[in-house]
């Protein structure tokens, strides 16, 4: 199994709000988004509610980036790393 990206080191970890905005712009449900990026519906729900942060592999970031581009979002819409 490949190593997961550490959410504390990743400058690209989407906030729950960012993921929710993306999902709503797509008109997708939590299960649809989860299936596309390779996580469970529960993971999407917990992330959107701020219960935990996503830990994504690089291929998942690539899929997330593709989705964001399809609705006019860029990496600038992702949060900056904590200072």
N, C-alpha and C. Protein backbone atom coordinates (compact mmCIF):
# COMPACT_ATOMS: atom_id res chain seq x y z
N UNK A 1 0.85 -1.18 0.00
CA UNK A 1 0.00 0.00 0.00
C UNK A 1 0.89 1.24 0.00
N UNK A 2 0.55 2.20 -0.82
CA UNK A 2 1.36 3.41 -0.89
C UNK A 2 1.13 4.29 0.34
N UNK A 3 2.11 5.09 0.64
CA UNK A 3 2.04 5.96 1.81
C UNK A 3 1.01 7.07 1.58
N UNK A 4 0.24 7.36 2.59
CA UNK A 4 -0.76 8.42 2.52
C UNK A 4 -0.08 9.76 2.72
N UNK A 5 -0.64 10.79 2.15
CA UNK A 5 -0.12 12.14 2.31
C UNK A 5 -0.51 12.62 3.71
N UNK A 6 0.43 13.12 4.45
CA UNK A 6 0.16 13.64 5.79
C UNK A 6 -0.58 14.96 5.67
N UNK A 7 -1.79 15.00 6.25
CA UNK A 7 -2.61 16.21 6.12
C UNK A 7 -1.97 17.43 6.76
N UNK A 8 -1.06 17.24 7.69
CA UNK A 8 -0.40 18.38 8.31
C UNK A 8 0.70 18.96 7.42
N UNK A 9 1.19 18.17 6.48
CA UNK A 9 2.25 18.63 5.61
C UNK A 9 1.74 19.04 4.25
N UNK A 10 0.54 18.61 3.91
CA UNK A 10 0.02 18.86 2.57
C UNK A 10 -0.59 20.24 2.45
N UNK A 11 -0.12 21.05 1.50
CA UNK A 11 -0.72 22.35 1.29
C UNK A 11 -2.01 22.25 0.47
N UNK A 12 -2.36 21.05 0.02
CA UNK A 12 -3.50 20.88 -0.87
C UNK A 12 -4.68 20.20 -0.20
N UNK A 13 -4.65 20.03 1.08
CA UNK A 13 -5.74 19.33 1.75
C UNK A 13 -6.97 20.22 1.77
N UNK A 14 -8.04 19.81 1.08
CA UNK A 14 -9.23 20.66 1.03
C UNK A 14 -9.92 20.73 2.39
N UNK A 15 -10.44 21.89 2.71
CA UNK A 15 -11.23 22.00 3.93
C UNK A 15 -12.59 21.37 3.66
N UNK A 16 -13.34 21.11 4.73
CA UNK A 16 -14.69 20.58 4.57
C UNK A 16 -15.55 21.50 3.73
N UNK A 17 -15.40 22.80 3.93
CA UNK A 17 -16.18 23.78 3.17
C UNK A 17 -15.84 23.70 1.69
N UNK A 18 -14.55 23.59 1.37
CA UNK A 18 -14.12 23.50 -0.02
C UNK A 18 -14.71 22.27 -0.69
N UNK A 19 -14.66 21.14 0.01
CA UNK A 19 -15.20 19.90 -0.54
C UNK A 19 -16.71 20.00 -0.72
N UNK A 20 -17.39 20.61 0.22
CA UNK A 20 -18.84 20.78 0.12
C UNK A 20 -19.20 21.68 -1.07
N UNK A 21 -18.48 22.79 -1.24
CA UNK A 21 -18.73 23.69 -2.37
C UNK A 21 -18.51 22.94 -3.69
N UNK A 22 -17.43 22.20 -3.77
CA UNK A 22 -17.13 21.43 -4.97
C UNK A 22 -18.26 20.44 -5.26
N UNK A 23 -18.67 19.71 -4.25
CA UNK A 23 -19.72 18.70 -4.43
C UNK A 23 -21.03 19.33 -4.88
N UNK A 24 -21.38 20.46 -4.27
CA UNK A 24 -22.63 21.15 -4.63
C UNK A 24 -22.56 21.69 -6.06
N UNK A 25 -21.40 22.24 -6.45
CA UNK A 25 -21.25 22.75 -7.82
C UNK A 25 -21.41 21.63 -8.85
N UNK A 26 -20.95 20.45 -8.49
CA UNK A 26 -21.07 19.30 -9.37
C UNK A 26 -22.49 18.74 -9.38
N UNK A 27 -23.26 19.05 -8.33
CA UNK A 27 -24.59 18.47 -8.21
C UNK A 27 -24.53 17.01 -7.79
N UNK A 28 -23.45 16.65 -7.09
CA UNK A 28 -23.23 15.26 -6.69
C UNK A 28 -23.65 15.03 -5.25
N UNK A 29 -23.90 13.77 -4.95
CA UNK A 29 -24.17 13.35 -3.57
C UNK A 29 -22.84 12.98 -2.91
N UNK A 30 -22.87 12.81 -1.60
CA UNK A 30 -21.66 12.38 -0.90
C UNK A 30 -21.18 11.02 -1.39
N UNK A 31 -22.08 10.05 -1.62
CA UNK A 31 -21.60 8.76 -2.15
C UNK A 31 -20.95 8.89 -3.53
N UNK A 32 -21.49 9.75 -4.38
CA UNK A 32 -20.90 9.94 -5.72
C UNK A 32 -19.50 10.51 -5.63
N UNK A 33 -19.32 11.54 -4.81
CA UNK A 33 -18.00 12.15 -4.67
C UNK A 33 -17.03 11.14 -4.06
N UNK A 34 -17.47 10.45 -3.02
CA UNK A 34 -16.62 9.46 -2.38
C UNK A 34 -16.15 8.39 -3.34
N UNK A 35 -17.08 7.88 -4.14
CA UNK A 35 -16.71 6.85 -5.11
C UNK A 35 -15.70 7.38 -6.12
N UNK A 36 -15.89 8.60 -6.58
CA UNK A 36 -14.99 9.17 -7.59
C UNK A 36 -13.57 9.35 -7.05
N UNK A 37 -13.45 9.82 -5.81
CA UNK A 37 -12.09 10.06 -5.28
C UNK A 37 -11.58 8.90 -4.43
N UNK A 38 -12.36 7.82 -4.34
CA UNK A 38 -11.87 6.62 -3.68
C UNK A 38 -11.95 6.61 -2.17
N UNK A 39 -12.97 7.28 -1.62
CA UNK A 39 -13.21 7.23 -0.17
C UNK A 39 -14.67 6.88 0.06
N UNK A 40 -15.02 6.59 1.28
CA UNK A 40 -16.40 6.22 1.58
C UNK A 40 -17.28 7.46 1.73
N UNK A 41 -18.57 7.21 1.63
CA UNK A 41 -19.55 8.29 1.87
C UNK A 41 -19.36 8.86 3.26
N UNK A 42 -19.12 7.98 4.24
CA UNK A 42 -18.93 8.42 5.62
C UNK A 42 -17.71 9.34 5.74
N UNK A 43 -16.65 9.04 5.00
CA UNK A 43 -15.46 9.88 5.02
C UNK A 43 -15.78 11.27 4.49
N UNK A 44 -16.52 11.33 3.38
CA UNK A 44 -16.91 12.63 2.82
C UNK A 44 -17.75 13.39 3.83
N UNK A 45 -18.73 12.72 4.42
CA UNK A 45 -19.63 13.36 5.39
C UNK A 45 -18.85 13.89 6.59
N UNK A 46 -17.97 13.06 7.14
CA UNK A 46 -17.18 13.49 8.31
C UNK A 46 -16.27 14.66 7.97
N UNK A 47 -15.71 14.65 6.78
CA UNK A 47 -14.82 15.75 6.38
C UNK A 47 -15.61 17.05 6.20
N UNK A 48 -16.76 16.97 5.55
CA UNK A 48 -17.57 18.16 5.35
C UNK A 48 -18.06 18.75 6.67
N UNK A 49 -18.26 17.91 7.66
CA UNK A 49 -18.72 18.39 8.97
C UNK A 49 -17.57 18.78 9.88
N UNK A 50 -16.35 18.66 9.39
CA UNK A 50 -15.18 19.06 10.18
C UNK A 50 -14.77 18.06 11.24
N UNK A 51 -15.24 16.84 11.13
CA UNK A 51 -14.89 15.82 12.14
C UNK A 51 -13.48 15.29 11.97
N UNK A 52 -13.00 15.28 10.73
CA UNK A 52 -11.61 14.91 10.47
C UNK A 52 -11.19 15.46 9.12
N UNK A 53 -9.90 15.39 8.85
CA UNK A 53 -9.36 15.88 7.59
C UNK A 53 -9.08 14.70 6.67
N UNK A 54 -9.23 14.93 5.38
CA UNK A 54 -8.95 13.89 4.41
C UNK A 54 -7.47 13.57 4.37
N UNK A 55 -7.19 12.31 4.16
CA UNK A 55 -5.83 11.85 3.90
C UNK A 55 -5.88 11.18 2.55
N UNK A 56 -5.38 11.86 1.55
CA UNK A 56 -5.48 11.37 0.18
C UNK A 56 -4.13 10.95 -0.38
N UNK A 57 -4.16 9.95 -1.25
CA UNK A 57 -2.98 9.56 -2.00
C UNK A 57 -2.88 10.49 -3.20
N UNK A 58 -1.73 10.50 -3.85
CA UNK A 58 -1.51 11.42 -4.96
C UNK A 58 -2.51 11.22 -6.09
N UNK A 59 -2.87 9.98 -6.40
CA UNK A 59 -3.84 9.75 -7.48
C UNK A 59 -5.20 10.34 -7.12
N UNK A 60 -5.51 10.38 -5.83
CA UNK A 60 -6.78 10.96 -5.39
C UNK A 60 -6.75 12.48 -5.52
N UNK A 61 -5.60 13.09 -5.23
CA UNK A 61 -5.46 14.54 -5.44
C UNK A 61 -5.64 14.89 -6.91
N UNK A 62 -5.10 14.03 -7.78
CA UNK A 62 -5.24 14.27 -9.22
C UNK A 62 -6.71 14.24 -9.62
N UNK A 63 -7.46 13.29 -9.14
CA UNK A 63 -8.89 13.21 -9.45
C UNK A 63 -9.63 14.42 -8.88
N UNK A 64 -9.26 14.82 -7.68
CA UNK A 64 -9.88 15.98 -7.05
C UNK A 64 -9.60 17.23 -7.88
N UNK A 65 -8.37 17.36 -8.35
CA UNK A 65 -8.00 18.50 -9.19
C UNK A 65 -8.82 18.52 -10.48
N UNK A 66 -9.01 17.36 -11.09
CA UNK A 66 -9.83 17.27 -12.31
C UNK A 66 -11.25 17.75 -12.06
N UNK A 67 -11.81 17.34 -10.94
CA UNK A 67 -13.17 17.78 -10.59
C UNK A 67 -13.21 19.28 -10.39
N UNK A 68 -12.24 19.80 -9.66
CA UNK A 68 -12.22 21.24 -9.40
C UNK A 68 -12.13 22.02 -10.70
N UNK A 69 -11.28 21.59 -11.60
CA UNK A 69 -11.13 22.28 -12.88
C UNK A 69 -12.43 22.25 -13.67
N UNK A 70 -13.19 21.18 -13.55
CA UNK A 70 -14.43 21.06 -14.32
C UNK A 70 -15.50 22.05 -13.87
N UNK A 71 -15.36 22.60 -12.67
CA UNK A 71 -16.34 23.58 -12.17
C UNK A 71 -15.71 24.95 -11.95
N UNK A 72 -14.54 25.17 -12.54
CA UNK A 72 -13.91 26.48 -12.48
C UNK A 72 -13.18 26.79 -11.19
N UNK A 73 -12.86 25.77 -10.40
CA UNK A 73 -12.10 25.98 -9.18
C UNK A 73 -10.63 25.69 -9.48
N UNK A 74 -9.75 26.36 -8.75
CA UNK A 74 -8.31 26.15 -8.92
C UNK A 74 -7.69 25.79 -7.58
N UNK A 75 -6.39 25.52 -7.60
CA UNK A 75 -5.71 25.23 -6.34
C UNK A 75 -5.74 26.43 -5.41
N UNK A 76 -5.96 27.63 -5.95
CA UNK A 76 -6.09 28.81 -5.10
C UNK A 76 -7.34 28.75 -4.22
N UNK A 77 -8.29 27.89 -4.57
CA UNK A 77 -9.49 27.70 -3.76
C UNK A 77 -9.24 26.77 -2.57
N UNK A 78 -8.07 26.13 -2.56
CA UNK A 78 -7.72 25.27 -1.43
C UNK A 78 -7.06 26.11 -0.35
N UNK A 79 -7.13 25.65 0.90
CA UNK A 79 -6.54 26.43 1.99
C UNK A 79 -5.01 26.45 1.92
N UNK A 80 -4.44 27.50 2.48
CA UNK A 80 -2.99 27.59 2.61
C UNK A 80 -2.56 26.70 3.77
N UNK A 81 -1.31 26.25 3.77
CA UNK A 81 -0.83 25.45 4.90
C UNK A 81 -0.84 26.27 6.18
N UNK A 82 -1.01 25.60 7.31
CA UNK A 82 -0.99 26.34 8.59
C UNK A 82 0.40 26.93 8.82
N UNK A 83 0.41 28.07 9.49
CA UNK A 83 1.69 28.75 9.77
C UNK A 83 2.20 28.39 11.13
